[in-house]
Amino acid sequence: MDGRKLPPIPGPWVQVAFTHPEWGERSGRYRRDVRGPGSAGQSWEIEVRSSAPGELVTLDLADVIAPTNELAVSLIDREQGSSVDWSSQSRSVASSDVAGSLSSGAARTYRIVSLGSRTYRLAILAGTPEYVAHAIGQALEIPRLVELDQNAPNPFSGMTRIRFGLPAPGPVTLEVFNVLGQRVASLLERAALKAGYHTVLWDGVNALEHPAPSGVYYLRLATAGRSFTKRIVIVK
């Protein structure tokens, strides 16, 4: 199923590929990676690149693997250290703001902020629930304390990603305030999240669905009994 290498793309572009650096002479990026049955599970490494950093990229992976009642499927975001469960039994709440959450209907989409020509790494896991759980445990770590990273990029003009870590599952509220202490946007409102790292994308739009003006803002993460604040800047 190998095909001829595509010519250079004129203008803006996004590239998504399965990678196999261990394949020697045939190593590189592939558009297909077909696996046979008969094992407890399989993993597929995915690379995403684009012509410019900071671009919002939405991946529709519904046709890659179709989960069944017997098949557990998860996606790992290796850049953010987080995962999302795409098994058919999953009851995750859909959200267009949380990177990695299930979308409604049959579509399974995942949004990232690209790193430009530098590779953004993802992986798909499929197999028995035991295989997938073990692979996720090996790939991801659980922070010992609540963490809130600085948003990136910062300053930003279009889209920024916000990463935080939870040592235990619990409700999380994530809000943006202006310098006067007024709430500009509510990104998460007591969302029940599992332990581990999570990423939220914000496009700089306020609660009225209008672009927030340029300036300094404060990002506030609140968990059970604790809160954290980061300074963020919007530049139009």
C-alpha atoms as a PDB file:
ATOM      1  CA  MET A   1       0.000   0.000   0.000  1.00  0.00           C
ATOM      2  CA  ASP A   2       3.002   2.300  -0.379  1.00  0.00           C
ATOM      3  CA  GLY A   3       2.358   5.299  -2.607  1.00  0.00           C
ATOM      4  CA  ARG A   4       4.546   7.793  -4.378  1.00  0.00           C
ATOM      5  CA  LYS A   5       5.866  10.675  -2.307  1.00  0.00           C
ATOM      6  CA  LEU A   6       3.733  13.788  -2.653  1.00  0.00           C
ATOM      7  CA  PRO A   7       5.225  16.945  -4.182  1.00  0.00           C
ATOM      8  CA  PRO A   8       5.855  19.987  -1.943  1.00  0.00           C
ATOM      9  CA  ILE A   9       2.625  21.711  -0.926  1.00  0.00           C
ATOM     10  CA  PRO A  10       2.283  25.338  -2.091  1.00  0.00           C
ATOM     11  CA  GLY A  11       1.115  27.750   0.587  1.00  0.00           C
ATOM     12  CA  PRO A  12      -0.126  26.885   4.092  1.00  0.00           C
ATOM     13  CA  TRP A  13      -0.280  23.180   4.919  1.00  0.00           C
ATOM     14  CA  VAL A  14      -0.940  20.608   7.657  1.00  0.00           C
ATOM     15  CA  GLN A  15       0.675  17.156   7.607  1.00  0.00           C
ATOM     16  CA  VAL A  16      -0.541  14.155   9.633  1.00  0.00           C
ATOM     17  CA  ALA A  17       1.277  10.826   9.355  1.00  0.00           C
ATOM     18  CA  PHE A  18       1.941   7.469  10.992  1.00  0.00           C
ATOM     19  CA  THR A  19       5.651   7.132  11.737  1.00  0.00           C
ATOM     20  CA  HIS A  20       8.031   4.183  11.938  1.00  0.00           C
ATOM     21  CA  PRO A  21      11.644   5.302  12.488  1.00  0.00           C
ATOM     22  CA  GLU A  22      12.610   1.678  13.219  1.00  0.00           C
ATOM     23  CA  TRP A  23      11.800   0.474   9.703  1.00  0.00           C
ATOM     24  CA  GLY A  24      15.322   1.060   8.384  1.00  0.00           C
ATOM     25  CA  GLU A  25      15.305   1.764   4.648  1.00  0.00           C
ATOM     26  CA  ARG A  26      11.520   2.151   4.696  1.00  0.00           C
ATOM     27  CA  SER A  27      11.411   4.414   7.746  1.00  0.00           C
ATOM     28  CA  GLY A  28       9.507   7.671   7.454  1.00  0.00           C
ATOM     29  CA  ARG A  29       5.966   9.032   7.429  1.00  0.00           C
ATOM     30  CA  TYR A  30       3.048   6.948   6.140  1.00  0.00           C
ATOM     31  CA  ARG A  31      -0.602   7.693   5.463  1.00  0.00           C
ATOM     32  CA  ARG A  32      -1.628   4.092   6.291  1.00  0.00           C
ATOM     33  CA  ASP A  33      -0.564   1.588   8.935  1.00  0.00           C
ATOM     34  CA  VAL A  34      -2.537  -1.650   8.797  1.00  0.00           C
ATOM     35  CA  ARG A  35      -2.210  -4.157  11.655  1.00  0.00           C
ATOM     36  CA  GLY A  36      -3.355  -7.760  11.802  1.00  0.00           C
ATOM     37  CA  PRO A  37      -5.476  -9.306  14.571  1.00  0.00           C
ATOM     38  CA  GLY A  38      -4.287 -11.798  17.138  1.00  0.00           C
ATOM     39  CA  SER A  39      -2.596  -9.636  19.780  1.00  0.00           C
ATOM     40  CA  ALA A  40      -3.770  -8.099  23.052  1.00  0.00           C
ATOM     41  CA  GLY A  41      -3.365  -4.623  21.579  1.00  0.00           C
ATOM     42  CA  GLN A  42      -1.533  -2.275  19.243  1.00  0.00           C
ATOM     43  CA  SER A  43      -0.259   1.302  19.305  1.00  0.00           C
ATOM     44  CA  TRP A  44       0.089   3.743  16.423  1.00  0.00           C
ATOM     45  CA  GLU A  45       2.419   6.743  16.654  1.00  0.00           C
ATOM     46  CA  ILE A  46       1.162   9.892  14.909  1.00  0.00           C
ATOM     47  CA  GLU A  47       3.031  13.071  13.989  1.00  0.00           C
ATOM     48  CA  VAL A  48       1.425  16.415  13.157  1.00  0.00           C
ATOM     49  CA  ARG A  49       3.219  19.342  11.553  1.00  0.00           C
ATOM     50  CA  SER A  50       2.085  22.568   9.893  1.00  0.00           C
ATOM     51  CA  SER A  51       3.488  25.454   7.913  1.00  0.00           C
ATOM     52  CA  ALA A  52       3.334  27.844  10.895  1.00  0.00           C
ATOM     53  CA  PRO A  53       3.338  27.418  14.696  1.00  0.00           C
ATOM     54  CA  GLY A  54       0.330  28.385  16.791  1.00  0.00           C
ATOM     55  CA  GLU A  55      -2.278  27.136  14.312  1.00  0.00           C
ATOM     56  CA  LEU A  56      -5.413  25.399  15.571  1.00  0.00           C
ATOM     57  CA  VAL A  57      -5.525  21.904  14.045  1.00  0.00           C
ATOM     58  CA  THR A  58      -8.570  19.646  14.390  1.00  0.00           C
ATOM     59  CA  LEU A  59      -7.955  15.943  13.772  1.00  0.00           C
ATOM     60  CA  ASP A  60     -10.939  13.778  12.817  1.00  0.00           C
ATOM     61  CA  LEU A  61      -9.948  10.219  13.663  1.00  0.00           C
ATOM     62  CA  ALA A  62     -13.379   8.596  13.373  1.00  0.00           C
ATOM     63  CA  ASP A  63     -12.331   6.492  10.374  1.00  0.00           C
ATOM     64  CA  VAL A  64      -8.986   5.365  11.817  1.00  0.00           C
ATOM     65  CA  ILE A  65     -10.383   2.853  14.323  1.00  0.00           C
ATOM     66  CA  ALA A  66     -14.037   2.096  15.014  1.00  0.00           C
ATOM     67  CA  PRO A  67     -14.398   1.165  18.719  1.00  0.00           C
ATOM     68  CA  THR A  68     -16.604  -1.813  19.610  1.00  0.00           C
ATOM     69  CA  ASN A  69     -17.876  -3.162  22.911  1.00  0.00           C
ATOM     70  CA  GLU A  70     -14.905  -5.556  22.992  1.00  0.00           C
ATOM     71  CA  LEU A  71     -12.259  -3.018  21.918  1.00  0.00           C
ATOM     72  CA  ALA A  72     -10.826  -0.293  24.145  1.00  0.00           C
ATOM     73  CA  VAL A  73      -9.465   2.735  22.291  1.00  0.00           C
ATOM     74  CA  SER A  74      -7.594   5.722  23.721  1.00  0.00           C
ATOM     75  CA  LEU A  75      -5.586   8.597  22.313  1.00  0.00           C
ATOM     76  CA  ILE A  76      -2.410   9.823  24.031  1.00  0.00           C
ATOM     77  CA  ASP A  77      -1.183  13.375  23.621  1.00  0.00           C
ATOM     78  CA  ARG A  78       2.542  12.958  24.203  1.00  0.00           C
ATOM     79  CA  GLU A  79       3.205  16.691  24.144  1.00  0.00           C
ATOM     80  CA  GLN A  80       0.708  17.434  26.915  1.00  0.00           C
ATOM     81  CA  GLY A  81       1.057  14.152  28.817  1.00  0.00           C
ATOM     82  CA  SER A  82      -2.679  13.481  28.702  1.00  0.00           C
ATOM     83  CA  SER A  83      -5.076  10.897  27.272  1.00  0.00           C
ATOM     84  CA  VAL A  84      -8.699  10.643  26.154  1.00  0.00           C
ATOM     85  CA  ASP A  85     -10.864   7.511  26.206  1.00  0.00           C
ATOM     86  CA  TRP A  86     -12.588   6.786  22.890  1.00  0.00           C
ATOM     87  CA  SER A  87     -14.027   3.409  23.858  1.00  0.00           C
ATOM     88  CA  SER A  88     -17.678   2.887  22.988  1.00  0.00           C
ATOM     89  CA  GLN A  89     -18.459   2.492  26.703  1.00  0.00           C
ATOM     90  CA  SER A  90     -17.001   5.903  27.522  1.00  0.00           C
ATOM     91  CA  ARG A  91     -19.340   8.399  29.133  1.00  0.00           C
ATOM     92  CA  SER A  92     -17.045  11.414  28.856  1.00  0.00           C
ATOM     93  CA  VAL A  93     -18.792  14.765  28.595  1.00  0.00           C
ATOM     94  CA  ALA A  94     -18.440  16.445  25.211  1.00  0.00           C
ATOM     95  CA  SER A  95     -16.737  19.834  25.175  1.00  0.00           C
ATOM     96  CA  SER A  96     -15.411  21.919  22.324  1.00  0.00           C
ATOM     97  CA  ASP A  97     -12.978  23.654  24.672  1.00  0.00           C
ATOM     98  CA  VAL A  98     -11.205  20.758  26.371  1.00  0.00           C
ATOM     99  CA  ALA A  99      -8.533  19.323  24.124  1.00  0.00           C
ATOM    100  CA  GLY A 100      -9.030  15.588  23.932  1.00  0.00           C
ATOM    101  CA  SER A 101     -12.641  15.362  25.056  1.00  0.00           C
ATOM    102  CA  LEU A 102     -15.149  13.267  23.157  1.00  0.00           C
ATOM    103  CA  SER A 103     -17.251  15.106  20.625  1.00  0.00           C
ATOM    104  CA  SER A 104     -20.908  14.384  20.083  1.00  0.00           C
ATOM    105  CA  GLY A 105     -22.247  11.795  17.685  1.00  0.00           C
ATOM    106  CA  ALA A 106     -20.034   9.378  15.787  1.00  0.00           C
ATOM    107  CA  ALA A 107     -17.260  11.905  15.168  1.00  0.00           C
ATOM    108  CA  ARG A 108     -14.098  11.618  17.236  1.00  0.00           C
ATOM    109  CA  THR A 109     -12.116  14.801  16.956  1.00  0.00           C
ATOM    110  CA  TYR A 110      -9.093  16.158  18.795  1.00  0.00           C
ATOM    111  CA  ARG A 111      -7.841  19.743  18.722  1.00  0.00           C
ATOM    112  CA  ILE A 112      -4.253  20.867  19.156  1.00  0.00           C
ATOM    113  CA  VAL A 113      -2.246  24.070  18.793  1.00  0.00           C
ATOM    114  CA  SER A 114       0.470  23.144  16.314  1.00  0.00           C
ATOM    115  CA  LEU A 115       4.203  23.533  16.861  1.00  0.00           C
ATOM    116  CA  GLY A 116       4.816  24.429  13.210  1.00  0.00           C
ATOM    117  CA  SER A 117       7.516  22.374  11.521  1.00  0.00           C
ATOM    118  CA  ARG A 118       8.441  20.870  14.912  1.00  0.00           C
ATOM    119  CA  THR A 119       6.620  17.575  15.364  1.00  0.00           C
ATOM    120  CA  TYR A 120       3.547  17.335  17.597  1.00  0.00           C
ATOM    121  CA  ARG A 121       3.360  13.725  18.832  1.00  0.00           C
ATOM    122  CA  LEU A 122       0.212  11.678  19.429  1.00  0.00           C
ATOM    123  CA  ALA A 123      -0.536   7.966  19.722  1.00  0.00           C
ATOM    124  CA  ILE A 124      -3.582   5.743  19.355  1.00  0.00           C
ATOM    125  CA  LEU A 125      -3.948   2.654  21.553  1.00  0.00           C
ATOM    126  CA  ALA A 126      -6.400  -0.143  20.737  1.00  0.00           C
ATOM    127  CA  GLY A 127      -6.879  -3.538  22.324  1.00  0.00           C
ATOM    128  CA  THR A 128      -8.179  -5.142  25.466  1.00  0.00           C
ATOM    129  CA  PRO A 129      -9.034  -2.801  28.358  1.00  0.00           C
ATOM    130  CA  GLU A 130      -6.118  -4.298  30.307  1.00  0.00           C
ATOM    131  CA  TYR A 131      -3.653  -3.626  27.471  1.00  0.00           C
ATOM    132  CA  VAL A 132      -4.798  -0.027  26.985  1.00  0.00           C
ATOM    133  CA  ALA A 133      -4.791   0.754  30.722  1.00  0.00           C
ATOM    134  CA  HIS A 134      -1.288  -0.689  31.114  1.00  0.00           C
ATOM    135  CA  ALA A 135       0.045   1.241  28.091  1.00  0.00           C
ATOM    136  CA  ILE A 136      -1.435   4.510  29.345  1.00  0.00           C
ATOM    137  CA  GLY A 137       0.065   3.923  32.785  1.00  0.00           C
ATOM    138  CA  GLN A 138       3.496   3.459  31.226  1.00  0.00           C
ATOM    139  CA  ALA A 139       3.190   6.487  28.925  1.00  0.00           C
ATOM    140  CA  LEU A 140       1.720   9.015  31.342  1.00  0.00           C
ATOM    141  CA  GLU A 141       2.598  10.161  34.818  1.00  0.00           C
ATOM    142  CA  ILE A 142       0.410  11.455  37.628  1.00  0.00           C
ATOM    143  CA  PRO A 143       1.666  14.675  39.287  1.00  0.00           C
ATOM    144  CA  ARG A 144       2.246  14.569  43.038  1.00  0.00           C
ATOM    145  CA  LEU A 145       0.685  18.039  43.473  1.00  0.00           C
ATOM    146  CA  VAL A 146      -1.746  20.223  41.526  1.00  0.00           C
ATOM    147  CA  GLU A 147       0.126  21.979  38.708  1.00  0.00           C
ATOM    148  CA  LEU A 148      -0.783  24.892  36.428  1.00  0.00           C
ATOM    149  CA  ASP A 149       1.628  25.549  33.561  1.00  0.00           C
ATOM    150  CA  GLN A 150       2.076  28.893  31.863  1.00  0.00           C
ATOM    151  CA  ASN A 151      -0.185  29.081  28.818  1.00  0.00           C
ATOM    152  CA  ALA A 152       1.514  28.733  25.438  1.00  0.00           C
ATOM    153  CA  PRO A 153       1.931  30.702  23.322  1.00  0.00           C
ATOM    154  CA  ASN A 154       1.998  33.746  25.581  1.00  0.00           C
ATOM    155  CA  PRO A 155       1.425  36.484  24.473  1.00  0.00           C
ATOM    156  CA  PHE A 156      -1.082  35.162  21.927  1.00  0.00           C
ATOM    157  CA  SER A 157      -3.442  36.579  19.345  1.00  0.00           C
ATOM    158  CA  GLY A 158      -5.511  33.633  18.163  1.00  0.00           C
ATOM    159  CA  MET A 159      -5.392  30.448  20.208  1.00  0.00           C
ATOM    160  CA  THR A 160      -3.511  29.403  23.338  1.00  0.00           C
ATOM    161  CA  ARG A 161      -3.311  26.132  25.257  1.00  0.00           C
ATOM    162  CA  ILE A 162      -3.544  25.805  29.034  1.00  0.00           C
ATOM    163  CA  ARG A 163      -2.134  22.679  30.695  1.00  0.00           C
ATOM    164  CA  PHE A 164      -2.672  21.600  34.296  1.00  0.00           C
ATOM    165  CA  GLY A 165      -2.144  18.449  36.328  1.00  0.00           C
ATOM    166  CA  LEU A 166      -4.234  16.792  39.037  1.00  0.00           C
ATOM    167  CA  PRO A 167      -2.872  14.273  41.568  1.00  0.00           C
ATOM    168  CA  ALA A 168      -6.400  12.924  42.158  1.00  0.00           C
ATOM    169  CA  PRO A 169      -9.785  13.113  40.402  1.00  0.00           C
ATOM    170  CA  GLY A 170     -12.088  15.955  41.378  1.00  0.00           C
ATOM    171  CA  PRO A 171     -13.999  19.072  40.294  1.00  0.00           C
ATOM    172  CA  VAL A 172     -12.049  21.785  38.459  1.00  0.00           C
ATOM    173  CA  THR A 173     -12.946  25.387  37.645  1.00  0.00           C
ATOM    174  CA  LEU A 174     -10.864  27.357  35.139  1.00  0.00           C
ATOM    175  CA  GLU A 175     -11.615  31.064  34.598  1.00  0.00           C
ATOM    176  CA  VAL A 176     -10.112  34.170  33.026  1.00  0.00           C
ATOM    177  CA  PHE A 177     -10.291  37.592  34.736  1.00  0.00           C
ATOM    178  CA  ASN A 178      -9.270  41.075  33.626  1.00  0.00           C
ATOM    179  CA  VAL A 179      -7.093  43.414  35.698  1.00  0.00           C
ATOM    180  CA  LEU A 180     -10.238  44.821  37.393  1.00  0.00           C
ATOM    181  CA  GLY A 181     -11.114  41.371  38.729  1.00  0.00           C
ATOM    182  CA  GLN A 182     -14.069  40.931  36.375  1.00  0.00           C
ATOM    183  CA  ARG A 183     -14.608  37.446  34.973  1.00  0.00           C
ATOM    184  CA  VAL A 184     -14.044  37.440  31.225  1.00  0.00           C
ATOM    185  CA  ALA A 185     -14.497  33.757  30.393  1.00  0.00           C
ATOM    186  CA  SER A 186     -15.343  30.496  32.139  1.00  0.00           C
ATOM    187  CA  LEU A 187     -13.432  27.630  30.496  1.00  0.00           C
ATOM    188  CA  LEU A 188     -14.357  24.913  33.001  1.00  0.00           C
ATOM    189  CA  GLU A 189     -17.093  25.068  35.641  1.00  0.00           C
ATOM    190  CA  ARG A 190     -16.645  22.409  38.326  1.00  0.00           C
ATOM    191  CA  ALA A 191     -15.810  19.847  35.649  1.00  0.00           C
ATOM    192  CA  ALA A 192     -15.241  16.339  37.027  1.00  0.00           C
ATOM    193  CA  LEU A 193     -11.794  15.356  35.712  1.00  0.00           C
ATOM    194  CA  LYS A 194      -9.612  12.332  36.319  1.00  0.00           C
ATOM    195  CA  ALA A 195      -6.114  12.402  37.788  1.00  0.00           C
ATOM    196  CA  GLY A 196      -3.340  13.284  35.353  1.00  0.00           C
ATOM    197  CA  TYR A 197      -2.611  16.113  32.940  1.00  0.00           C
ATOM    198  CA  HIS A 198      -5.294  17.990  31.020  1.00  0.00           C
ATOM    199  CA  THR A 199      -5.210  20.673  28.337  1.00  0.00           C
ATOM    200  CA  VAL A 200      -7.772  23.376  27.590  1.00  0.00           C
ATOM    201  CA  LEU A 201      -7.695  25.567  24.481  1.00  0.00           C
ATOM    202  CA  TRP A 202      -8.862  29.205  24.616  1.00  0.00           C
ATOM    203  CA  ASP A 203      -9.415  31.350  21.551  1.00  0.00           C
ATOM    204  CA  GLY A 204      -9.529  34.645  23.466  1.00  0.00           C
ATOM    205  CA  VAL A 205     -13.316  34.921  23.228  1.00  0.00           C
ATOM    206  CA  ASN A 206     -15.211  36.267  26.236  1.00  0.00           C
ATOM    207  CA  ALA A 207     -18.477  35.087  27.765  1.00  0.00           C
ATOM    208  CA  LEU A 208     -20.449  37.182  25.244  1.00  0.00           C
ATOM    209  CA  GLU A 209     -18.704  35.400  22.335  1.00  0.00           C
ATOM    210  CA  HIS A 210     -16.739  38.548  21.480  1.00  0.00           C
ATOM    211  CA  PRO A 211     -12.931  38.676  21.094  1.00  0.00           C
ATOM    212  CA  ALA A 212     -11.349  39.980  24.287  1.00  0.00           C
ATOM    213  CA  PRO A 213      -9.343  43.185  23.682  1.00  0.00           C
ATOM    214  CA  SER A 214      -5.573  43.301  23.897  1.00  0.00           C
ATOM    215  CA  GLY A 215      -4.199  43.487  27.405  1.00  0.00           C
ATOM    216  CA  VAL A 216      -3.221  41.608  30.544  1.00  0.00           C
ATOM    217  CA  TYR A 217      -5.490  38.926  31.993  1.00  0.00           C
ATOM    218  CA  TYR A 218      -5.304  36.453  34.839  1.00  0.00           C
ATOM    219  CA  LEU A 219      -5.996  32.737  34.523  1.00  0.00           C
ATOM    220  CA  ARG A 220      -7.354  31.115  37.686  1.00  0.00           C
ATOM    221  CA  LEU A 221      -7.466  27.357  38.304  1.00  0.00           C
ATOM    222  CA  ALA A 222      -9.517  26.227  41.309  1.00  0.00           C
ATOM    223  CA  THR A 223      -9.589  22.671  42.660  1.00  0.00           C
ATOM    224  CA  ALA A 224     -10.838  21.284  45.958  1.00  0.00           C
ATOM    225  CA  GLY A 225      -9.499  23.754  48.515  1.00  0.00           C
ATOM    226  CA  ARG A 226      -6.712  25.227  46.326  1.00  0.00           C
ATOM    227  CA  SER A 227      -6.384  27.868  43.606  1.00  0.00           C
ATOM    228  CA  PHE A 228      -3.583  28.943  41.248  1.00  0.00           C
ATOM    229  CA  THR A 229      -3.155  32.021  39.043  1.00  0.00           C
ATOM    230  CA  LYS A 230      -1.124  32.772  35.903  1.00  0.00           C
ATOM    231  CA  ARG A 231      -0.698  36.072  34.050  1.00  0.00           C
ATOM    232  CA  ILE A 232      -1.558  35.907  30.347  1.00  0.00           C
ATOM    233  CA  VAL A 233      -1.387  38.542  27.605  1.00  0.00           C
ATOM    234  CA  ILE A 234      -3.519  39.018  24.492  1.00  0.00           C
ATOM    235  CA  VAL A 235      -1.982  40.944  21.581  1.00  0.00           C
ATOM    236  CA  LYS A 236      -4.142  41.783  18.558  1.00  0.00           C
END
